[in-house]
Amino acid sequence: MAEPVALPGPVALFDGECNVCDWSVRFLLRHDRHGALHYASLQGETAAALMAERPDFPRDVDTVVVAEPLPSGALRLHTESDGVVRA
């Protein structure tokens, strides 16, 4: 069995080919003064590992997903507008 995906903190996963997503990431970077949020493309390795591990991970790349590790070791997923608000 593969190791669970270890995230460095909350990760915003976004469509790396979407101009609106690109604008959103730049906006978040400008306003994240503490560098608390990490970023990854939905077409990349982190998203692929989460998709393989989590049946509830969205398979559609035209959404925003925020993956938030919890102190218990569990992982909470926020999608669509909930993901944007959480970010």
Protein backbone atom coordinates (compact mmCIF):
# COMPACT_ATOMS: atom_id res chain seq x y z
CA MET A 1 0.00 0.00 0.00
CA ALA A 2 1.31 3.45 -0.90
CA GLU A 3 2.17 6.07 1.69
CA PRO A 4 -0.57 8.66 2.26
CA VAL A 5 0.07 11.97 0.57
CA ALA A 6 1.85 14.28 3.01
CA LEU A 7 1.08 17.93 2.46
CA PRO A 8 3.16 20.80 3.90
CA GLY A 9 -0.03 22.62 4.94
CA PRO A 10 -3.16 23.70 3.13
CA VAL A 11 -2.75 23.37 -0.63
CA ALA A 12 -4.81 25.16 -3.26
CA LEU A 13 -5.05 22.96 -6.33
CA PHE A 14 -6.05 24.78 -9.48
CA ASP A 15 -6.33 24.27 -13.22
CA GLY A 16 -2.85 25.14 -14.45
CA GLU A 17 -4.18 25.90 -17.93
CA CYS A 18 -6.95 28.30 -16.87
CA ASN A 19 -6.40 32.07 -17.09
CA VAL A 20 -9.00 32.78 -14.39
CA CYS A 21 -7.28 30.26 -12.10
CA ASP A 22 -3.94 31.91 -12.83
CA TRP A 23 -5.39 35.29 -11.85
CA SER A 24 -6.87 33.74 -8.68
CA VAL A 25 -3.52 32.26 -7.65
CA ARG A 26 -1.76 35.59 -8.22
CA PHE A 27 -4.45 37.30 -6.10
CA LEU A 28 -4.01 34.76 -3.30
CA LEU A 29 -0.22 35.08 -3.40
CA ARG A 30 -0.46 38.86 -3.06
CA HIS A 31 -2.78 38.59 -0.05
CA ASP A 32 -1.22 35.62 1.77
CA ARG A 33 1.15 37.68 3.91
CA HIS A 34 2.20 34.69 6.03
CA GLY A 35 2.77 32.24 3.17
CA ALA A 36 0.35 29.79 4.77
CA LEU A 37 -1.13 28.48 1.53
CA HIS A 38 0.74 26.23 -0.89
CA TYR A 39 -0.16 25.78 -4.55
CA ALA A 40 -0.26 22.89 -7.00
CA SER A 41 -1.71 22.29 -10.43
CA LEU A 42 -4.61 19.87 -10.83
CA GLN A 43 -2.59 18.40 -13.72
CA GLY A 44 0.44 17.74 -11.49
CA GLU A 45 1.84 14.99 -9.28
CA THR A 46 0.25 16.14 -6.01
CA ALA A 47 -3.26 16.12 -7.48
CA ALA A 48 -2.63 12.75 -9.17
CA ALA A 49 -1.52 11.26 -5.84
CA LEU A 50 -4.55 12.69 -4.05
CA MET A 51 -6.86 11.37 -6.79
CA ALA A 52 -5.34 7.90 -6.43
CA GLU A 53 -5.69 8.01 -2.64
CA ARG A 54 -9.03 9.76 -2.23
CA PRO A 55 -12.18 8.59 -4.04
CA ASP A 56 -13.86 11.88 -3.02
CA PHE A 57 -11.21 14.03 -4.75
CA PRO A 58 -12.85 15.81 -7.73
CA ARG A 59 -11.89 14.34 -11.09
CA ASP A 60 -12.98 17.47 -12.94
CA VAL A 61 -10.16 19.98 -13.40
CA ASP A 62 -12.39 23.01 -13.82
CA THR A 63 -12.77 23.61 -10.11
CA VAL A 64 -10.64 24.84 -7.23
CA VAL A 65 -9.76 22.36 -4.50
CA VAL A 66 -8.20 23.28 -1.18
CA ALA A 67 -6.75 20.26 0.58
CA GLU A 68 -6.34 21.02 4.28
CA PRO A 69 -4.45 18.64 6.57
CA LEU A 70 -6.05 18.41 10.01
CA PRO A 71 -4.21 17.89 13.32
CA SER A 72 -5.71 14.38 13.49
CA GLY A 73 -3.84 13.45 10.30
CA ALA A 74 -7.04 13.45 8.24
CA LEU A 75 -7.40 15.58 5.14
CA ARG A 76 -10.37 17.88 4.54
CA LEU A 77 -11.24 18.84 0.97
CA HIS A 78 -12.94 22.13 0.11
CA THR A 79 -14.17 22.45 -3.47
CA GLU A 80 -15.57 25.08 -5.81
CA SER A 81 -16.70 28.26 -4.02
CA ASP A 82 -16.05 26.66 -0.59
CA GLY A 83 -12.45 26.12 -1.70
CA VAL A 84 -12.07 29.71 -2.84
CA VAL A 85 -13.55 31.03 0.40
CA ARG A 86 -11.33 28.73 2.50
CA ALA A 87 -8.24 29.87 0.59
